[in-house]
PDB file of N, CA and C in Angstrom:
ATOM      1  N   MET A   1     100.431 101.309  91.025  1.00  0.00           N
ATOM      2  CA  MET A   1      99.535 100.301  90.805  1.00  0.00           C
ATOM      3  C   MET A   1      98.774  99.844  92.070  1.00  0.00           C
ATOM      4  N   VAL A   2      97.369 100.027  91.546  1.00  0.00           N
ATOM      5  CA  VAL A   2      96.384  99.538  92.772  1.00  0.00           C
ATOM      6  C   VAL A   2      95.941  97.929  92.399  1.00  0.00           C
ATOM      7  N   ILE A   3      95.953  97.281  93.473  1.00  0.00           N
ATOM      8  CA  ILE A   3      95.397  95.733  93.399  1.00  0.00           C
ATOM      9  C   ILE A   3      93.771  95.650  93.866  1.00  0.00           C
ATOM     10  N   PRO A   4      93.199  94.989  93.090  1.00  0.00           N
ATOM     11  CA  PRO A   4      91.643  95.136  93.477  1.00  0.00           C
ATOM     12  C   PRO A   4      91.459  94.081  94.806  1.00  0.00           C
ATOM     13  N   ASP A   5      90.459  94.610  95.409  1.00  0.00           N
ATOM     14  CA  ASP A   5      90.275  93.835  96.881  1.00  0.00           C
ATOM     15  C   ASP A   5      90.016  92.260  96.377  1.00  0.00           C
ATOM     16  N   LYS A   6      89.513  91.907  95.403  1.00  0.00           N
ATOM     17  CA  LYS A   6      89.154  90.613  95.263  1.00  0.00           C
ATOM     18  C   LYS A   6      90.569  89.573  95.277  1.00  0.00           C
ATOM     19  N   ASP A   7      91.683  90.352  94.564  1.00  0.00           N
ATOM     20  CA  ASP A   7      92.928  89.673  94.404  1.00  0.00           C
ATOM     21  C   ASP A   7      93.710  89.512  95.785  1.00  0.00           C
ATOM     22  N   LEU A   8      92.989  89.965  97.040  1.00  0.00           N
ATOM     23  CA  LEU A   8      93.927  89.875  98.355  1.00  0.00           C
ATOM     24  C   LEU A   8      93.210  89.194  99.198  1.00  0.00           C
ATOM     25  N   LYS A   9      93.867  88.484 100.028  1.00  0.00           N
ATOM     26  CA  LYS A   9      93.719  87.778 101.428  1.00  0.00           C
ATOM     27  C   LYS A   9      94.452  88.282 102.263  1.00  0.00           C
ATOM     28  N   ILE A  10      93.696  89.046 103.113  1.00  0.00           N
ATOM     29  CA  ILE A  10      94.257  89.508 104.534  1.00  0.00           C
ATOM     30  C   ILE A  10      93.884  89.058 105.779  1.00  0.00           C
ATOM     31  N   GLU A  11      95.022  88.755 106.725  1.00  0.00           N
ATOM     32  CA  GLU A  11      94.967  87.803 107.507  1.00  0.00           C
ATOM     33  C   GLU A  11      95.360  88.968 108.675  1.00  0.00           C
ATOM     34  N   ILE A  12      94.759  89.039 109.841  1.00  0.00           N
ATOM     35  CA  ILE A  12      95.131  89.829 111.213  1.00  0.00           C
ATOM     36  C   ILE A  12      95.286  88.784 112.330  1.00  0.00           C
ATOM     37  N   THR A  13      96.308  88.528 112.921  1.00  0.00           N
ATOM     38  CA  THR A  13      96.597  87.519 114.182  1.00  0.00           C
ATOM     39  C   THR A  13      97.096  88.559 115.113  1.00  0.00           C
ATOM     40  N   GLU A  14      96.415  88.502 116.412  1.00  0.00           N
ATOM     41  CA  GLU A  14      96.769  88.714 117.337  1.00  0.00           C
ATOM     42  C   GLU A  14      98.180  88.035 118.137  1.00  0.00           C
ATOM     43  N   ASP A  15      99.072  88.922 118.553  1.00  0.00           N
ATOM     44  CA  ASP A  15     100.359  88.322 119.245  1.00  0.00           C
ATOM     45  C   ASP A  15      99.947  88.239 120.790  1.00  0.00           C
ATOM     46  N   ARG A  16      99.777  87.006 121.191  1.00  0.00           N
ATOM     47  CA  ARG A  16      99.374  86.924 122.541  1.00  0.00           C
ATOM     48  C   ARG A  16     100.385  86.120 123.384  1.00  0.00           C
ATOM     49  N   PRO A  17     101.273  86.913 124.395  1.00  0.00           N
ATOM     50  CA  PRO A  17     102.122  86.037 124.978  1.00  0.00           C
ATOM     51  C   PRO A  17     101.193  85.148 125.952  1.00  0.00           C
ATOM     52  N   ASN A  18     102.167  83.687 125.945  1.00  0.00           N
ATOM     53  CA  ASN A  18     101.566  82.724 126.830  1.00  0.00           C
ATOM     54  C   ASN A  18     101.426  82.976 128.185  1.00  0.00           C
ATOM     55  N   GLY A  19     100.425  82.950 128.976  1.00  0.00           N
ATOM     56  CA  GLY A  19     100.408  83.163 130.161  1.00  0.00           C
ATOM     57  C   GLY A  19     100.191  84.740 130.645  1.00  0.00           C
ATOM     58  N   MET A  20      99.923  85.645 129.744  1.00  0.00           N
ATOM     59  CA  MET A  20      99.930  87.070 129.986  1.00  0.00           C
ATOM     60  C   MET A  20      99.005  87.575 129.345  1.00  0.00           C
ATOM     61  N   HIS A  21      98.269  88.561 129.763  1.00  0.00           N
ATOM     62  CA  HIS A  21      97.122  89.255 128.993  1.00  0.00           C
ATOM     63  C   HIS A  21      97.382  90.697 129.111  1.00  0.00           C
ATOM     64  N   THR A  22      97.824  91.311 127.974  1.00  0.00           N
ATOM     65  CA  THR A  22      98.071  92.802 127.939  1.00  0.00           C
ATOM     66  C   THR A  22      96.772  93.219 127.272  1.00  0.00           C
ATOM     67  N   SER A  23      96.472  94.275 127.414  1.00  0.00           N
ATOM     68  CA  SER A  23      95.372  95.082 126.416  1.00  0.00           C
ATOM     69  C   SER A  23      95.940  96.657 126.050  1.00  0.00           C
ATOM     70  N   PRO A  24      96.035  97.090 124.786  1.00  0.00           N
ATOM     71  CA  PRO A  24      95.727  95.852 123.546  1.00  0.00           C
ATOM     72  C   PRO A  24      96.856  95.253 123.305  1.00  0.00           C
ATOM     73  N   ASN A  25      96.596  93.966 122.458  1.00  0.00           N
ATOM     74  CA  ASN A  25      97.874  93.154 121.980  1.00  0.00           C
ATOM     75  C   ASN A  25      98.172  93.609 120.774  1.00  0.00           C
ATOM     76  N   PRO A  26      99.637  93.589 120.547  1.00  0.00           N
ATOM     77  CA  PRO A  26     100.191  93.428 119.339  1.00  0.00           C
ATOM     78  C   PRO A  26      99.516  92.538 118.358  1.00  0.00           C
ATOM     79  N   TYR A  27      99.981  92.865 117.146  1.00  0.00           N
ATOM     80  CA  TYR A  27      99.276  91.890 115.863  1.00  0.00           C
ATOM     81  C   TYR A  27     100.216  91.842 114.924  1.00  0.00           C
ATOM     82  N   TRP A  28     100.023  90.897 114.008  1.00  0.00           N
ATOM     83  CA  TRP A  28     100.764  90.658 112.676  1.00  0.00           C
ATOM     84  C   TRP A  28      99.509  90.887 111.607  1.00  0.00           C
ATOM     85  N   ILE A  29      99.985  91.587 110.456  1.00  0.00           N
ATOM     86  CA  ILE A  29      98.927  91.726 109.440  1.00  0.00           C
ATOM     87  C   ILE A  29      99.704  91.090 107.997  1.00  0.00           C
ATOM     88  N   THR A  30      98.888  89.800 107.423  1.00  0.00           N
ATOM     89  CA  THR A  30      99.674  89.213 106.452  1.00  0.00           C
ATOM     90  C   THR A  30      98.862  89.535 105.444  1.00  0.00           C
ATOM     91  N   ILE A  31      99.079  89.633 104.338  1.00  0.00           N
ATOM     92  CA  ILE A  31      98.372  90.155 103.002  1.00  0.00           C
ATOM     93  C   ILE A  31      99.000  89.303 101.663  1.00  0.00           C
ATOM     94  N   THR A  32      98.136  88.601 101.218  1.00  0.00           N
ATOM     95  CA  THR A  32      98.792  87.676 100.106  1.00  0.00           C
ATOM     96  C   THR A  32      97.993  88.301  98.912  1.00  0.00           C
ATOM     97  N   HIS A  33      98.685  88.448  97.612  1.00  0.00           N
ATOM     98  CA  HIS A  33      98.025  88.529  96.833  1.00  0.00           C
ATOM     99  C   HIS A  33      98.049  87.115  95.909  1.00  0.00           C
ATOM    100  N   ILE A  34      96.716  87.031  95.635  1.00  0.00           N
ATOM    101  CA  ILE A  34      96.537  85.730  95.123  1.00  0.00           C
ATOM    102  C   ILE A  34      96.865  85.105  93.705  1.00  0.00           C
ATOM    103  N   PRO A  35      96.773  85.904  92.900  1.00  0.00           N
ATOM    104  CA  PRO A  35      97.294  85.725  91.699  1.00  0.00           C
ATOM    105  C   PRO A  35      98.677  85.101  91.339  1.00  0.00           C
ATOM    106  N   SER A  36      99.453  86.165  92.404  1.00  0.00           N
ATOM    107  CA  SER A  36     100.833  85.580  91.929  1.00  0.00           C
ATOM    108  C   SER A  36     101.523  84.784  93.295  1.00  0.00           C
ATOM    109  N   MET A  37     100.634  84.893  94.485  1.00  0.00           N
ATOM    110  CA  MET A  37     101.037  84.210  95.568  1.00  0.00           C
ATOM    111  C   MET A  37     102.000  85.046  96.518  1.00  0.00           C
ATOM    112  N   ALA A  38     102.076  86.236  95.878  1.00  0.00           N
ATOM    113  CA  ALA A  38     103.081  87.030  96.691  1.00  0.00           C
ATOM    114  C   ALA A  38     102.531  87.330  98.098  1.00  0.00           C
ATOM    115  N   CYS A  39     103.092  87.435  99.197  1.00  0.00           N
ATOM    116  CA  CYS A  39     102.773  87.703 100.462  1.00  0.00           C
ATOM    117  C   CYS A  39     103.886  88.711 101.215  1.00  0.00           C
ATOM    118  N   VAL A  40     103.309  89.539 102.123  1.00  0.00           N
ATOM    119  CA  VAL A  40     103.733  90.405 102.867  1.00  0.00           C
ATOM    120  C   VAL A  40     103.431  90.096 104.268  1.00  0.00           C
ATOM    121  N   ARG A  41     104.099  90.125 105.357  1.00  0.00           N
ATOM    122  CA  ARG A  41     103.666  90.223 106.634  1.00  0.00           C
ATOM    123  C   ARG A  41     104.445  91.503 107.585  1.00  0.00           C
ATOM    124  N   ALA A  42     103.606  92.257 108.128  1.00  0.00           N
ATOM    125  CA  ALA A  42     103.779  93.105 108.981  1.00  0.00           C
ATOM    126  C   ALA A  42     103.393  93.111 110.285  1.00  0.00           C
ATOM    127  N   TYR A  43     104.064  93.769 111.437  1.00  0.00           N
ATOM    128  CA  TYR A  43     104.075  93.832 112.655  1.00  0.00           C
ATOM    129  C   TYR A  43     103.774  95.150 113.279  1.00  0.00           C
ATOM    130  N   SER A  44     102.763  95.189 114.350  1.00  0.00           N
ATOM    131  CA  SER A  44     102.540  96.404 114.781  1.00  0.00           C
ATOM    132  C   SER A  44     102.422  95.968 116.359  1.00  0.00           C
ATOM    133  N   GLY A  45     102.987  96.772 117.352  1.00  0.00           N
ATOM    134  CA  GLY A  45     103.034  96.614 118.894  1.00  0.00           C
ATOM    135  C   GLY A  45     101.777  97.619 119.194  1.00  0.00           C
ATOM    136  N   GLU A  46     101.263  98.232 118.492  1.00  0.00           N
ATOM    137  CA  GLU A  46     100.489  98.991 118.816  1.00  0.00           C
ATOM    138  C   GLU A  46      99.119  99.046 118.311  1.00  0.00           C
ATOM    139  N   ALA A  47      97.941  98.794 119.131  1.00  0.00           N
ATOM    140  CA  ALA A  47      96.416  98.428 118.521  1.00  0.00           C
ATOM    141  C   ALA A  47      96.001  99.593 117.861  1.00  0.00           C
ATOM    142  N   ARG A  48      96.429 100.619 118.129  1.00  0.00           N
ATOM    143  CA  ARG A  48      95.619 101.880 117.528  1.00  0.00           C
ATOM    144  C   ARG A  48      96.202 102.096 115.944  1.00  0.00           C
ATOM    145  N   SER A  49      97.400 101.487 115.617  1.00  0.00           N
ATOM    146  CA  SER A  49      97.892 101.653 114.306  1.00  0.00           C
ATOM    147  C   SER A  49      97.524 100.776 113.416  1.00  0.00           C
ATOM    148  N   GLN A  50      96.596  99.931 113.411  1.00  0.00           N
ATOM    149  CA  GLN A  50      96.440  99.017 112.301  1.00  0.00           C
ATOM    150  C   GLN A  50      96.125  99.362 110.984  1.00  0.00           C
ATOM    151  N   ASN A  51      95.694 100.275 110.648  1.00  0.00           N
ATOM    152  CA  ASN A  51      95.186 101.143 109.699  1.00  0.00           C
ATOM    153  C   ASN A  51      96.513 101.440 108.605  1.00  0.00           C
ATOM    154  N   LYS A  52      97.516 102.109 109.840  1.00  0.00           N
ATOM    155  CA  LYS A  52      98.857 102.656 109.179  1.00  0.00           C
ATOM    156  C   LYS A  52      99.664 100.960 108.656  1.00  0.00           C
ATOM    157  N   VAL A  53      99.637 100.275 109.754  1.00  0.00           N
ATOM    158  CA  VAL A  53     100.243  98.946 109.188  1.00  0.00           C
ATOM    159  C   VAL A  53      99.638  98.253 108.037  1.00  0.00           C
ATOM    160  N   LYS A  54      98.360  98.288 108.044  1.00  0.00           N
ATOM    161  CA  LYS A  54      98.030  97.721 106.440  1.00  0.00           C
ATOM    162  C   LYS A  54      98.209  98.426 105.475  1.00  0.00           C
ATOM    163  N   GLU A  55      98.124  99.546 105.646  1.00  0.00           N
ATOM    164  CA  GLU A  55      98.547 100.613 104.438  1.00  0.00           C
ATOM    165  C   GLU A  55      99.984 100.368 104.017  1.00  0.00           C
ATOM    166  N   ALA A  56     100.628 100.156 104.975  1.00  0.00           N
ATOM    167  CA  ALA A  56     102.392 100.161 104.657  1.00  0.00           C
ATOM    168  C   ALA A  56     102.500  98.692 104.084  1.00  0.00           C
ATOM    169  N   ALA A  57     101.794  97.807 104.572  1.00  0.00           N
ATOM    170  CA  ALA A  57     102.004  96.483 103.624  1.00  0.00           C
ATOM    171  C   ALA A  57     101.411  96.515 102.841  1.00  0.00           C
ATOM    172  N   LEU A  58     100.074  96.835 102.303  1.00  0.00           N
ATOM    173  CA  LEU A  58      99.941  96.870 100.967  1.00  0.00           C
ATOM    174  C   LEU A  58     100.710  97.751  99.915  1.00  0.00           C
ATOM    175  N   LEU A  59     101.354  98.787 100.426  1.00  0.00           N
ATOM    176  CA  LEU A  59     102.378  99.430  99.290  1.00  0.00           C
ATOM    177  C   LEU A  59     103.631  98.486  99.268  1.00  0.00           C
ATOM    178  N   CYS A  60     103.926  97.898 100.263  1.00  0.00           N
ATOM    179  CA  CYS A  60     104.859  96.897 100.071  1.00  0.00           C
ATOM    180  C   CYS A  60     104.858  95.773  99.075  1.00  0.00           C
ATOM    181  N   LEU A  61     103.433  95.142  99.219  1.00  0.00           N
ATOM    182  CA  LEU A  61     102.742  94.204  98.362  1.00  0.00           C
ATOM    183  C   LEU A  61     102.578  94.751  96.813  1.00  0.00           C
ATOM    184  N   GLU A  62     102.074  95.961  96.843  1.00  0.00           N
ATOM    185  CA  GLU A  62     102.178  96.224  95.529  1.00  0.00           C
ATOM    186  C   GLU A  62     103.552  96.405  94.757  1.00  0.00           C
ATOM    187  N   MET A  63     104.543  96.981  95.437  1.00  0.00           N
ATOM    188  CA  MET A  63     105.908  97.034  94.647  1.00  0.00           C
ATOM    189  C   MET A  63     106.235  95.647  94.441  1.00  0.00           C
ATOM    190  N   LEU A  64     106.120  94.724  95.166  1.00  0.00           N
ATOM    191  CA  LEU A  64     106.479  93.405  95.137  1.00  0.00           C
ATOM    192  C   LEU A  64     105.620  92.598  93.738  1.00  0.00           C
ATOM    193  N   VAL A  65     104.242  92.779  93.817  1.00  0.00           N
ATOM    194  CA  VAL A  65     103.580  92.171  92.517  1.00  0.00           C
ATOM    195  C   VAL A  65     103.937  93.058  91.257  1.00  0.00           C
ATOM    196  N   ASP A  66     104.202  94.357  91.228  1.00  0.00           N
ATOM    197  CA  ASP A  66     104.545  94.913  90.318  1.00  0.00           C
ATOM    198  C   ASP A  66     106.051  94.745  89.598  1.00  0.00           C
ATOM    199  N   TYR A  67     106.885  94.271  90.677  1.00  0.00           N
ATOM    200  CA  TYR A  67     108.375  93.405  90.285  1.00  0.00           C
ATOM    201  C   TYR A  67     108.393  92.188  89.654  1.00  0.00           C
ATOM    202  N   CYS A  68     107.549  91.181  90.160  1.00  0.00           N
ATOM    203  CA  CYS A  68     107.412  89.845  89.589  1.00  0.00           C
ATOM    204  C   CYS A  68     106.455  90.016  88.268  1.00  0.00           C
ATOM    205  N   GLY A  69     105.440  90.972  88.140  1.00  0.00           N
ATOM    206  CA  GLY A  69     104.687  90.816  86.932  1.00  0.00           C
ATOM    207  C   GLY A  69     103.374  90.578  87.141  1.00  0.00           C
ATOM    208  N   GLY A  70     103.255  90.192  88.725  1.00  0.00           N
ATOM    209  CA  GLY A  70     101.774  90.007  88.919  1.00  0.00           C
ATOM    210  C   GLY A  70     101.366  88.470  88.319  1.00  0.00           C
ATOM    211  N   GLU A  71     102.194  87.544  88.280  1.00  0.00           N
ATOM    212  CA  GLU A  71     101.576  86.200  87.660  1.00  0.00           C
ATOM    213  C   GLU A  71     102.541  84.998  88.563  1.00  0.00           C
ATOM    214  N   CYS A  72     101.988  84.144  89.118  1.00  0.00           N
ATOM    215  CA  CYS A  72     102.516  82.998  90.000  1.00  0.00           C
ATOM    216  C   CYS A  72     103.629  82.263  88.893  1.00  0.00           C
ATOM    217  N   GLY A  73     104.895  82.228  89.637  1.00  0.00           N
ATOM    218  CA  GLY A  73     105.772  81.488  88.709  1.00  0.00           C
ATOM    219  C   GLY A  73     105.599  80.207  88.836  1.00  0.00           C
ATOM    220  N   TYR A  74     104.935  79.407  89.530  1.00  0.00           N
ATOM    221  CA  TYR A  74     104.544  78.303  89.852  1.00  0.00           C
ATOM    222  C   TYR A  74     103.131  77.697  89.783  1.00  0.00           C
ATOM    223  N   PRO A  75     102.630  78.093  88.752  1.00  0.00           N
ATOM    224  CA  PRO A  75     100.774  77.727  88.764  1.00  0.00           C
ATOM    225  C   PRO A  75     100.525  76.234  88.685  1.00  0.00           C
ATOM    226  N   GLU A  76     101.413  75.250  88.762  1.00  0.00           N
ATOM    227  CA  GLU A  76     101.108  74.053  88.711  1.00  0.00           C
ATOM    228  C   GLU A  76     100.734  73.867  90.581  1.00  0.00           C
ATOM    229  N   ARG A  77     101.409  74.875  91.485  1.00  0.00           N
ATOM    230  CA  ARG A  77     100.883  74.707  92.691  1.00  0.00           C
ATOM    231  C   ARG A  77      99.508  74.998  93.124  1.00  0.00           C
ATOM    232  N   LEU A  78      98.864  75.779  92.242  1.00  0.00           N
ATOM    233  CA  LEU A  78      97.622  76.245  92.300  1.00  0.00           C
ATOM    234  C   LEU A  78      96.705  75.543  92.076  1.00  0.00           C
ATOM    235  N   LYS A  79      96.787  74.161  91.471  1.00  0.00           N
ATOM    236  CA  LYS A  79      95.951  73.690  90.944  1.00  0.00           C
ATOM    237  C   LYS A  79      95.419  72.412  92.068  1.00  0.00           C
ATOM    238  N   PRO A  80      94.177  72.479  92.346  1.00  0.00           N
ATOM    239  CA  PRO A  80      93.724  71.327  93.372  1.00  0.00           C
ATOM    240  C   PRO A  80      93.825  70.050  93.164  1.00  0.00           C
TER     241      PRO A  80
END
């Protein structure tokens, strides 16, 4: 199953310790499948592996969306 990019929300958040500056910083990647509201979060301690972590998170999300059928179980929560 391949999820179209328009159905994904991808967020990358750097994990910066308070009072410390290290370079490169570890980060979190959060990917949400908008139609089903399924969400996967992955962590990487190495900045060079961002693409690998994103790819792994997408594979997990594809399995999760396939398992839940690709639809939100609580559509009333999506209404404004």
